[in-house]
Amino acid sequence: MNRLFFILLCLLFVTKSNAQIHELGIFVGGSNYIGDVGPTDFIAPNKVAFGLLYKWNKSPRHSWRFSYIQSEITSNDKAAITAGRKQRGNRFDNSLKEVSLGLEFNFFNFNLHDFELQFTPYVYSGLSYFAYDELFVVGGKTKKDYTSSSFAIPMIVGIKSNITPHIILGVEVGARYAFTDNLDGNNPKNTNFETLKFGNINNNDWFVFSGFTLTYTFGNKPCYCLD
């Protein structure tokens, strides 16, 4: 009876902890913004983005993921296609510092205890919290009001492969739907600047991080009690 209980307990542990292995690494790429100033290209990185990445792999199909990424974002109406934006001629620069926590899902099994070459597409979503500068535009110039913060919903798609037994290389594109419409200065929160609003103040801004992830895997293999 005790042996049966031990076997069942061990099976439960294996089910829970198999592939509970860690990844720690970096993100390097670029950023771009989509909103009321400049062009509206979805993937058009024009500033360097970099950060740190941690994953706790709960199974070969999913993992909890935490990241910190920072970047500048910029855009210029003169690069837009629409005549109205070109004529307006606004531009801005802003800084972003984002932390994100959520779930990454692999389309194929990606077992980090198997050192054979593997690859899988994946998706990620969760919740992001980021700091940015509240801006306003006066006299054709964009100025900083104060530093603020907001939330965003990340939507990331990518593909990754274990290029060595402990190194995983990924390529991903991640759009963030921000809970603010003033990354570009078109919709300042400060009521003193109410008359300075422009563009579509009913649509929030987006920002995109595109680039490469490089992570190192570590952690003990599970104990297979029936071996």
Protein backbone atom coordinates (compact mmCIF):
# COMPACT_ATOMS: atom_id res chain seq x y z
CA MET A 1 0.00 0.00 0.00
CA ASN A 2 2.80 2.39 0.91
CA ARG A 3 4.60 1.53 -2.33
CA LEU A 4 1.43 2.21 -4.35
CA PHE A 5 0.96 5.53 -2.58
CA PHE A 6 4.59 6.44 -3.30
CA ILE A 7 4.22 5.54 -6.99
CA LEU A 8 1.01 7.59 -7.33
CA LEU A 9 2.60 10.54 -5.56
CA CYS A 10 5.65 10.30 -7.78
CA LEU A 11 3.51 10.12 -10.91
CA LEU A 12 1.69 13.25 -9.77
CA PHE A 13 5.02 14.98 -9.18
CA VAL A 14 6.28 13.99 -12.62
CA THR A 15 3.07 15.27 -14.22
CA LYS A 16 3.41 18.56 -12.40
CA SER A 17 7.14 19.05 -12.68
CA ASN A 18 8.17 17.41 -15.95
CA ALA A 19 9.79 20.14 -18.01
CA GLN A 20 9.66 22.60 -15.11
CA ILE A 21 12.94 23.97 -16.37
CA HIS A 22 14.05 27.57 -16.42
CA GLU A 23 15.15 29.90 -19.21
CA LEU A 24 17.00 33.15 -18.72
CA GLY A 25 18.15 35.41 -21.52
CA ILE A 26 17.89 38.60 -23.51
CA PHE A 27 15.70 40.31 -26.08
CA VAL A 28 17.32 42.47 -28.76
CA GLY A 29 15.44 44.14 -31.58
CA GLY A 30 13.57 47.28 -32.52
CA SER A 31 10.44 49.22 -31.72
CA ASN A 32 7.82 51.20 -33.56
CA TYR A 33 4.60 52.99 -32.70
CA ILE A 34 1.16 53.10 -34.33
CA GLY A 35 -1.13 56.02 -33.57
CA ASP A 36 -2.02 59.57 -34.55
CA VAL A 37 1.38 60.78 -35.74
CA GLY A 38 3.41 59.52 -38.68
CA PRO A 39 2.96 56.36 -40.77
CA THR A 40 0.79 53.47 -39.64
CA ASP A 41 3.00 50.54 -40.72
CA PHE A 42 2.49 47.60 -38.37
CA ILE A 43 6.10 46.35 -38.38
CA ALA A 44 8.56 49.17 -38.99
CA PRO A 45 11.19 49.24 -36.22
CA ASN A 46 13.09 52.53 -36.12
CA LYS A 47 14.57 52.50 -32.58
CA VAL A 48 16.63 49.91 -30.73
CA ALA A 49 14.81 47.82 -28.09
CA PHE A 50 16.48 45.51 -25.58
CA GLY A 51 15.62 43.71 -22.40
CA LEU A 52 15.69 40.62 -20.18
CA LEU A 53 13.58 37.49 -20.38
CA TYR A 54 12.72 34.69 -17.94
CA LYS A 55 10.56 31.62 -18.56
CA TRP A 56 9.38 28.85 -16.28
CA ASN A 57 8.43 25.93 -18.51
CA LYS A 58 5.53 24.08 -16.93
CA SER A 59 5.21 21.59 -19.80
CA PRO A 60 6.48 21.08 -23.36
CA ARG A 61 3.50 23.15 -24.55
CA HIS A 62 3.36 26.14 -22.21
CA SER A 63 5.43 28.32 -19.91
CA TRP A 64 5.06 31.31 -17.65
CA ARG A 65 7.03 34.23 -19.01
CA PHE A 66 8.34 37.45 -17.47
CA SER A 67 10.14 40.18 -19.41
CA TYR A 68 11.54 43.65 -19.07
CA ILE A 69 12.06 45.68 -22.25
CA GLN A 70 12.98 49.30 -22.76
CA SER A 71 13.16 51.41 -25.86
CA GLU A 72 12.62 54.82 -27.39
CA ILE A 73 9.72 55.32 -29.78
CA THR A 74 9.48 58.02 -32.41
CA SER A 75 7.39 58.97 -35.42
CA ASN A 76 7.18 61.82 -37.92
CA ASP A 77 4.20 63.03 -39.95
CA LYS A 78 6.52 63.77 -42.86
CA ALA A 79 6.99 60.00 -43.30
CA ALA A 80 3.23 59.38 -43.49
CA ILE A 81 1.34 58.54 -46.66
CA THR A 82 -1.75 60.66 -45.94
CA ALA A 83 -1.60 64.27 -47.12
CA GLY A 84 -3.19 65.62 -43.94
CA ARG A 85 -0.46 64.24 -41.72
CA LYS A 86 2.29 65.37 -44.08
CA GLN A 87 0.90 68.90 -44.03
CA ARG A 88 0.56 68.92 -40.23
CA GLY A 89 4.21 67.95 -39.79
CA ASN A 90 4.22 66.81 -36.15
CA ARG A 91 6.87 64.52 -34.71
CA PHE A 92 7.60 63.14 -31.25
CA ASP A 93 10.02 61.08 -29.20
CA ASN A 94 9.07 59.08 -26.15
CA SER A 95 10.68 56.49 -23.88
CA LEU A 96 9.13 53.19 -22.78
CA LYS A 97 10.06 50.84 -19.96
CA GLU A 98 7.84 47.75 -19.91
CA VAL A 99 7.45 44.77 -17.60
CA SER A 100 5.22 41.95 -18.78
CA LEU A 101 3.91 38.72 -17.25
CA GLY A 102 1.85 36.08 -19.02
CA LEU A 103 1.60 32.68 -20.66
CA GLU A 104 3.52 31.45 -23.70
CA PHE A 105 1.95 28.60 -25.68
CA ASN A 106 3.88 26.35 -28.08
CA PHE A 107 2.09 24.93 -31.12
CA PHE A 108 4.36 21.85 -31.07
CA ASN A 109 5.87 19.97 -28.15
CA PHE A 110 9.09 21.69 -27.12
CA ASN A 111 10.68 19.45 -24.49
CA LEU A 112 13.81 21.07 -23.08
CA HIS A 113 14.94 17.70 -21.67
CA ASP A 114 15.22 16.41 -25.24
CA PHE A 115 18.48 17.66 -26.73
CA GLU A 116 17.49 16.77 -30.30
CA LEU A 117 16.95 19.76 -32.61
CA GLN A 118 13.41 21.09 -32.19
CA PHE A 119 11.43 24.10 -33.32
CA THR A 120 7.95 25.44 -32.74
CA PRO A 121 5.83 28.49 -33.48
CA TYR A 122 4.45 30.11 -30.33
CA VAL A 123 2.12 32.81 -29.10
CA TYR A 124 2.22 34.87 -25.94
CA SER A 125 -0.19 37.14 -24.11
CA GLY A 126 -0.69 38.46 -20.63
CA LEU A 127 -0.50 41.89 -19.06
CA SER A 128 2.13 44.61 -19.43
CA TYR A 129 2.81 47.65 -17.29
CA PHE A 130 4.93 50.42 -18.72
CA ALA A 131 6.28 53.86 -17.92
CA TYR A 132 6.23 56.62 -20.53
CA ASP A 133 6.29 60.41 -20.87
CA GLU A 134 3.03 62.37 -21.02
CA LEU A 135 3.45 64.75 -23.96
CA PHE A 136 1.70 67.78 -25.39
CA VAL A 137 2.17 69.73 -28.62
CA VAL A 138 2.30 73.51 -28.67
CA GLY A 139 3.52 75.79 -31.43
CA GLY A 140 4.34 72.76 -33.58
CA LYS A 141 6.75 71.38 -30.94
CA THR A 142 6.20 68.30 -28.79
CA LYS A 143 7.10 68.77 -25.14
CA LYS A 144 7.17 66.56 -22.04
CA ASP A 145 4.65 67.25 -19.28
CA TYR A 146 5.48 64.52 -16.73
CA THR A 147 6.31 60.82 -16.47
CA SER A 148 3.29 58.54 -16.28
CA SER A 149 2.46 54.84 -16.50
CA SER A 150 -0.23 52.61 -17.94
CA PHE A 151 -1.14 49.03 -18.79
CA ALA A 152 -1.08 47.26 -22.15
CA ILE A 153 -2.16 43.92 -23.61
CA PRO A 154 0.75 42.18 -25.40
CA MET A 155 0.03 39.97 -28.42
CA ILE A 156 3.18 38.17 -29.54
CA VAL A 157 3.81 35.59 -32.27
CA GLY A 158 7.16 33.95 -32.87
CA ILE A 159 9.17 30.86 -33.70
CA LYS A 160 12.02 29.32 -31.70
CA SER A 161 14.55 26.48 -31.84
CA ASN A 162 17.13 24.92 -29.53
CA ILE A 163 20.29 25.68 -31.50
CA THR A 164 22.39 23.91 -28.82
CA PRO A 165 21.32 21.64 -25.93
CA HIS A 166 21.03 24.69 -23.64
CA ILE A 167 20.63 27.68 -25.98
CA ILE A 168 17.28 28.64 -27.53
CA LEU A 169 17.00 31.21 -30.30
CA GLY A 170 13.68 32.83 -31.09
CA VAL A 171 12.33 35.44 -33.50
CA GLU A 172 9.16 37.29 -32.55
CA VAL A 173 6.90 40.24 -33.26
CA GLY A 174 4.83 41.60 -30.40
CA ALA A 175 2.17 44.31 -30.65
CA ARG A 176 1.00 46.02 -27.47
CA TYR A 177 -2.42 47.62 -27.20
CA ALA A 178 -1.84 50.48 -24.75
CA PHE A 179 -4.48 51.74 -22.34
CA THR A 180 -3.51 55.29 -23.25
CA ASP A 181 -3.89 57.52 -26.29
CA ASN A 182 -1.04 59.89 -25.53
CA LEU A 183 2.23 58.24 -26.44
CA ASP A 184 2.47 60.89 -29.17
CA GLY A 185 1.11 64.02 -27.46
CA ASN A 186 -2.21 64.12 -29.31
CA ASN A 187 -4.43 63.54 -26.26
CA PRO A 188 -2.80 64.99 -23.11
CA LYS A 189 -4.38 64.13 -19.74
CA ASN A 190 -3.56 67.54 -18.31
CA THR A 191 -6.76 69.61 -18.47
CA ASN A 192 -4.67 72.74 -19.05
CA PHE A 193 -3.90 71.35 -22.51
CA GLU A 194 -7.49 70.45 -23.45
CA THR A 195 -7.44 72.74 -26.50
CA LEU A 196 -4.22 71.16 -27.79
CA LYS A 197 -5.76 67.76 -28.57
CA PHE A 198 -5.74 66.54 -32.16
CA GLY A 199 -6.26 63.38 -34.21
CA ASN A 200 -8.62 60.59 -33.20
CA ILE A 201 -8.92 60.80 -29.42
CA ASN A 202 -11.23 57.77 -29.31
CA ASN A 203 -8.57 55.24 -30.34
CA ASN A 204 -5.70 54.19 -28.10
CA ASP A 205 -2.10 53.88 -29.27
CA TRP A 206 -0.11 50.74 -30.07
CA PHE A 207 3.59 49.99 -29.82
CA VAL A 208 5.47 47.04 -31.29
CA PHE A 209 8.66 45.23 -30.26
CA SER A 210 10.21 43.04 -32.99
CA GLY A 211 13.42 41.10 -32.56
CA PHE A 212 15.35 38.10 -31.33
CA THR A 213 15.33 36.25 -28.03
CA LEU A 214 18.32 34.24 -26.84
CA THR A 215 17.86 32.19 -23.67
CA TYR A 216 19.92 29.72 -21.67
CA THR A 217 18.10 26.74 -20.14
CA PHE A 218 18.90 25.36 -16.71
CA GLY A 219 17.23 23.19 -14.06
CA ASN A 220 17.29 19.54 -13.05
CA LYS A 221 15.55 16.83 -15.02
CA PRO A 222 12.54 15.30 -13.26
CA CYS A 223 12.91 12.07 -11.27
CA TYR A 224 11.16 9.28 -13.15
CA CYS A 225 10.21 7.06 -10.23
CA LEU A 226 9.28 4.03 -12.34
CA ASP A 227 12.63 3.79 -14.17
